[in-house]
């Protein structure tokens, strides 16, 4: 499976321009999966413009990206402000596009609302986790600050995910934390971890880039440069999962007698 990380800078509020960037990356890099950063469709620092920019999963930008996915036969994952068509609530979402024309979203569970972050002013909190079955494997989605909550990654591992894909908008002040915790999440769950971060400057926020793919034993498959646009690619083999889990059986040896007391973990691994 070939993965491409589209570490390119979105233009604030310019969805059409940002969709063109998505199309360019996908068209120029034949791949099974292309991943972009958190809120890439609009840019991260849109603040009060999110209600105007948000779309539901039948919106014009979403429809265009569906077409890109279909045309190139590539799965695409990116962040966007998602409008709930029923409640009109707005969510910080990661959307998975598949070549058969489908689009499914994960809504960020843990909104960053500390230091320079003010996500809870603009977005509702998500409330669910789901492993998405695709032609390229079973995928769990998380977004940026979610990485710091290990129970999410563990849930995905126990639910049979082959990889976790994280869209991110991590600034330079958080670089050390993300570079430390990403390989840990891969190792402790023996799965692939795909991380695509924003890059460039938006208002008072400087994003460090450093997008990466980490294997199930913590080995770095590829890494984009820091503080600069970069499109990188790598090939992964899901057969590595079985070897990694034999070498370190973190899924098999999970204590369900303990985790079973927590509703989210009342299940068995596949």
Protein backbone atom coordinates (compact mmCIF):
# COMPACT_ATOMS: atom_id res chain seq x y z
CA UNK A 1 0.00 0.00 0.00
CA UNK A 2 1.36 3.43 -0.93
CA UNK A 3 0.68 6.34 1.44
CA UNK A 4 1.26 10.00 0.59
CA UNK A 5 1.38 12.75 3.21
CA UNK A 6 0.30 16.08 1.74
CA UNK A 7 2.12 18.50 4.03
CA UNK A 8 1.17 21.65 2.14
CA UNK A 9 -0.12 24.92 3.54
CA UNK A 10 -3.82 25.71 3.11
CA UNK A 11 -4.98 29.25 2.41
CA UNK A 12 -7.23 30.56 5.16
CA UNK A 13 -10.86 30.56 4.13
CA UNK A 14 -10.17 29.62 0.50
CA UNK A 15 -11.77 26.21 0.08
CA UNK A 16 -11.54 26.20 -3.70
CA UNK A 17 -7.80 26.86 -3.60
CA UNK A 18 -7.27 24.20 -0.95
CA UNK A 19 -9.24 21.61 -2.93
CA UNK A 20 -6.99 22.40 -5.90
CA UNK A 21 -3.98 21.65 -3.70
CA UNK A 22 -5.51 18.32 -2.72
CA UNK A 23 -6.13 17.48 -6.36
CA UNK A 24 -2.57 18.42 -7.34
CA UNK A 25 -1.01 16.24 -4.64
CA UNK A 26 -3.20 13.25 -5.48
CA UNK A 27 -2.78 13.64 -9.25
CA UNK A 28 1.01 13.93 -9.03
CA UNK A 29 1.50 11.08 -6.57
CA UNK A 30 -0.12 7.78 -7.46
CA UNK A 31 -1.19 6.34 -4.13
CA UNK A 32 -3.70 4.23 -2.25
CA UNK A 33 -4.08 6.79 0.54
CA UNK A 34 -3.38 10.54 0.67
CA UNK A 35 -3.58 12.32 4.03
CA UNK A 36 -3.74 16.05 4.79
CA UNK A 37 -3.81 18.05 8.03
CA UNK A 38 -6.46 19.13 10.51
CA UNK A 39 -9.06 21.55 9.10
CA UNK A 40 -7.08 21.57 5.86
CA UNK A 41 -10.12 22.41 3.78
CA UNK A 42 -10.39 25.88 5.35
CA UNK A 43 -7.23 26.40 7.34
CA UNK A 44 -7.11 26.12 11.13
CA UNK A 45 -7.37 29.75 12.30
CA UNK A 46 -10.66 30.74 10.65
CA UNK A 47 -12.34 31.30 14.01
CA UNK A 48 -15.61 33.20 13.49
CA UNK A 49 -15.73 32.24 9.81
CA UNK A 50 -16.27 28.54 10.49
CA UNK A 51 -20.11 28.80 10.41
CA UNK A 52 -19.89 30.29 6.91
CA UNK A 53 -17.29 27.80 5.70
CA UNK A 54 -18.61 24.56 7.22
CA UNK A 55 -20.22 21.96 4.94
CA UNK A 56 -22.09 18.75 5.47
CA UNK A 57 -20.98 15.60 3.67
CA UNK A 58 -23.00 16.53 0.58
CA UNK A 59 -21.49 20.01 0.30
CA UNK A 60 -19.77 21.38 -2.83
CA UNK A 61 -16.19 20.96 -1.62
CA UNK A 62 -16.92 17.46 -0.34
CA UNK A 63 -18.48 16.55 -3.70
CA UNK A 64 -15.37 17.80 -5.52
CA UNK A 65 -13.04 15.75 -3.31
CA UNK A 66 -15.23 12.69 -3.84
CA UNK A 67 -14.67 13.15 -7.56
CA UNK A 68 -10.91 13.45 -7.06
CA UNK A 69 -10.89 10.24 -5.04
CA UNK A 70 -12.94 8.43 -7.68
CA UNK A 71 -10.92 9.74 -10.63
CA UNK A 72 -7.55 8.74 -9.21
CA UNK A 73 -8.61 5.62 -7.33
CA UNK A 74 -7.14 6.99 -4.12
CA UNK A 75 -8.51 7.12 -0.60
CA UNK A 76 -8.20 10.64 0.83
CA UNK A 77 -8.30 11.76 4.46
CA UNK A 78 -8.37 15.41 5.52
CA UNK A 79 -9.72 17.70 8.19
CA UNK A 80 -12.65 20.08 7.69
CA UNK A 81 -15.35 21.94 9.62
CA UNK A 82 -18.35 19.65 9.25
CA UNK A 83 -21.91 20.94 9.50
CA UNK A 84 -24.43 18.47 10.91
CA UNK A 85 -27.29 18.72 8.43
CA UNK A 86 -29.90 17.92 11.10
CA UNK A 87 -28.77 19.95 14.12
CA UNK A 88 -26.73 22.59 12.25
CA UNK A 89 -23.96 22.03 14.77
CA UNK A 90 -20.36 22.39 13.58
CA UNK A 91 -17.64 19.81 14.27
CA UNK A 92 -13.89 19.60 13.79
CA UNK A 93 -13.94 16.48 11.63
CA UNK A 94 -11.62 14.13 9.80
CA UNK A 95 -13.26 12.83 6.63
CA UNK A 96 -12.38 9.62 4.80
CA UNK A 97 -13.11 9.64 1.06
CA UNK A 98 -13.12 6.33 -0.80
CA UNK A 99 -12.84 5.71 -4.56
CA UNK A 100 -16.39 4.36 -4.67
CA UNK A 101 -17.71 7.86 -3.96
CA UNK A 102 -18.32 7.52 -0.22
CA UNK A 103 -17.37 10.05 2.48
CA UNK A 104 -17.48 9.25 6.19
CA UNK A 105 -16.44 11.41 9.11
CA UNK A 106 -14.98 11.20 12.58
CA UNK A 107 -15.73 14.16 14.84
CA UNK A 108 -12.96 15.20 17.20
CA UNK A 109 -13.63 13.96 20.72
CA UNK A 110 -11.10 16.06 22.63
CA UNK A 111 -11.21 19.72 21.64
CA UNK A 112 -8.07 21.70 22.43
CA UNK A 113 -9.07 24.59 24.66
CA UNK A 114 -5.92 25.72 26.45
CA UNK A 115 -2.99 28.03 25.73
CA UNK A 116 -3.49 29.41 22.20
CA UNK A 117 -6.31 26.97 21.39
CA UNK A 118 -10.00 27.87 21.50
CA UNK A 119 -11.69 25.01 19.67
CA UNK A 120 -14.61 24.67 22.06
CA UNK A 121 -15.69 28.19 21.07
CA UNK A 122 -16.26 27.04 17.50
CA UNK A 123 -17.00 23.32 17.54
CA UNK A 124 -19.18 20.76 19.24
CA UNK A 125 -17.58 17.67 20.77
CA UNK A 126 -17.76 14.40 18.90
CA UNK A 127 -19.16 11.37 20.67
CA UNK A 128 -18.23 8.22 18.78
CA UNK A 129 -15.45 5.97 17.54
CA UNK A 130 -15.66 3.66 14.55
CA UNK A 131 -13.24 1.51 12.60
CA UNK A 132 -13.80 2.18 8.90
CA UNK A 133 -13.58 -0.89 6.67
CA UNK A 134 -11.91 -0.04 3.36
CA UNK A 135 -10.28 -1.82 0.43
CA UNK A 136 -6.88 -0.88 1.86
CA UNK A 137 -7.50 -2.03 5.42
CA UNK A 138 -9.30 -1.12 8.63
CA UNK A 139 -8.74 2.51 9.59
CA UNK A 140 -9.31 4.38 12.85
CA UNK A 141 -9.38 8.19 12.75
CA UNK A 142 -8.29 10.65 15.42
CA UNK A 143 -7.39 14.34 15.36
CA UNK A 144 -4.40 16.07 16.96
CA UNK A 145 -5.09 16.42 20.74
CA UNK A 146 -6.89 13.04 20.65
CA UNK A 147 -3.44 11.42 20.39
CA UNK A 148 -2.81 12.25 24.05
CA UNK A 149 -5.66 9.99 25.16
CA UNK A 150 -4.32 6.42 24.84
CA UNK A 151 -7.72 4.83 25.36
CA UNK A 152 -8.77 5.96 21.87
CA UNK A 153 -5.85 4.23 20.16
CA UNK A 154 -6.33 1.16 22.35
CA UNK A 155 -10.01 1.03 21.42
CA UNK A 156 -9.07 1.01 17.75
CA UNK A 157 -6.46 -1.70 18.25
CA UNK A 158 -8.95 -3.90 20.13
CA UNK A 159 -11.54 -3.24 17.42
CA UNK A 160 -9.29 -4.63 14.72
CA UNK A 161 -7.80 -1.48 13.18
CA UNK A 162 -4.73 -1.93 10.99
CA UNK A 163 -3.78 1.72 11.19
CA UNK A 164 -4.65 4.94 12.96
CA UNK A 165 -4.65 8.08 10.84
CA UNK A 166 -4.28 11.40 12.63
CA UNK A 167 -4.86 14.77 10.99
CA UNK A 168 -3.14 17.45 13.05
CA UNK A 169 -2.59 21.18 13.51
CA UNK A 170 0.28 21.02 15.95
CA UNK A 171 2.29 24.20 16.52
CA UNK A 172 6.02 24.45 17.14
CA UNK A 173 5.49 24.65 20.91
CA UNK A 174 4.07 21.10 20.89
CA UNK A 175 6.67 19.48 18.59
CA UNK A 176 8.50 17.54 21.30
CA UNK A 177 5.29 16.05 22.69
CA UNK A 178 4.02 14.82 19.33
CA UNK A 179 7.36 13.43 18.24
CA UNK A 180 7.56 11.50 21.50
CA UNK A 181 4.02 10.19 21.70
CA UNK A 182 3.37 9.10 18.10
CA UNK A 183 5.83 6.16 18.06
CA UNK A 184 4.57 5.20 21.53
CA UNK A 185 1.01 4.88 20.23
CA UNK A 186 2.21 2.65 17.39
CA UNK A 187 4.30 0.43 19.66
CA UNK A 188 1.79 0.03 22.48
CA UNK A 189 -0.93 -1.03 20.02
CA UNK A 190 1.22 -2.80 17.39
CA UNK A 191 -0.35 -0.98 14.46
CA UNK A 192 0.61 1.60 11.84
CA UNK A 193 0.31 5.25 12.84
CA UNK A 194 -0.10 7.81 10.05
CA UNK A 195 0.29 11.45 11.09
CA UNK A 196 -0.22 14.44 8.78
CA UNK A 197 0.41 17.87 10.28
CA UNK A 198 -0.17 21.38 8.99
CA UNK A 199 2.79 23.58 8.10
CA UNK A 200 3.30 27.31 7.79
CA UNK A 201 1.94 30.29 9.72
CA UNK A 202 -1.69 31.22 10.32
CA UNK A 203 -2.19 34.41 12.31
CA UNK A 204 -0.29 33.78 15.58
CA UNK A 205 0.17 30.01 15.06
CA UNK A 206 3.29 28.41 13.56
CA UNK A 207 2.80 24.75 12.56
CA UNK A 208 5.91 22.60 12.50
CA UNK A 209 5.03 19.96 9.90
CA UNK A 210 7.03 16.79 10.56
CA UNK A 211 4.33 14.51 9.14
CA UNK A 212 5.25 10.85 9.49
CA UNK A 213 4.30 7.21 9.11
CA UNK A 214 5.38 4.89 11.92
CA UNK A 215 5.31 1.11 11.73
CA UNK A 216 3.83 -1.27 14.32
CA UNK A 217 7.20 -1.72 16.02
CA UNK A 218 7.89 2.00 16.23
CA UNK A 219 10.08 2.24 13.13
CA UNK A 220 9.80 5.46 11.14
CA UNK A 221 8.79 4.67 7.56
CA UNK A 222 8.97 8.25 6.28
CA UNK A 223 9.08 11.76 7.69
CA UNK A 224 8.40 15.12 6.06
CA UNK A 225 10.64 18.06 6.72
CA UNK A 226 9.93 20.49 9.51
CA UNK A 227 8.74 24.08 8.91
CA UNK A 228 8.40 23.67 5.16
CA UNK A 229 5.99 22.26 2.63
CA UNK A 230 6.79 18.68 1.73
CA UNK A 231 4.97 15.83 0.05
CA UNK A 232 6.38 12.45 1.07
CA UNK A 233 5.38 8.88 0.28
CA UNK A 234 6.09 5.41 1.52
CA UNK A 235 4.96 1.84 0.94
CA UNK A 236 3.73 -0.24 3.85
CA UNK A 237 2.84 -3.92 4.13
CA UNK A 238 0.01 -4.87 6.48
CA UNK A 239 1.65 -8.27 6.93
CA UNK A 240 3.97 -6.50 9.37
CA UNK A 241 1.10 -6.35 11.83
CA UNK A 242 1.05 -10.08 12.47
CA UNK A 243 4.81 -10.22 13.05
CA UNK A 244 4.71 -7.20 15.34
CA UNK A 245 1.89 -8.65 17.43
CA UNK A 246 3.67 -11.98 17.74
CA UNK A 247 6.82 -10.21 18.87
CA UNK A 248 4.97 -8.02 21.39
CA UNK A 249 1.41 -9.30 22.00
CA UNK A 250 -0.10 -6.10 23.35
CA UNK A 251 -3.53 -6.83 21.86
CA UNK A 252 -3.66 -10.49 22.87
CA UNK A 253 -2.56 -9.81 26.45
CA UNK A 254 -4.92 -6.92 27.14
CA UNK A 255 -6.68 -7.46 30.49
CA UNK A 256 -10.36 -7.57 29.64
CA UNK A 257 -11.23 -8.44 33.22
CA UNK A 258 -10.06 -4.92 34.07
CA UNK A 259 -11.06 -3.05 30.92
CA UNK A 260 -14.48 -4.71 30.95
CA UNK A 261 -15.46 -2.38 33.76
CA UNK A 262 -15.19 0.52 31.30
CA UNK A 263 -18.10 0.66 28.80
CA UNK A 264 -15.87 1.61 25.86
CA UNK A 265 -13.83 -1.57 26.30
CA UNK A 266 -16.59 -4.16 26.65
CA UNK A 267 -15.53 -6.23 23.72
CA UNK A 268 -12.97 -8.65 22.40
CA UNK A 269 -10.28 -8.16 19.77
CA UNK A 270 -10.89 -9.57 16.33
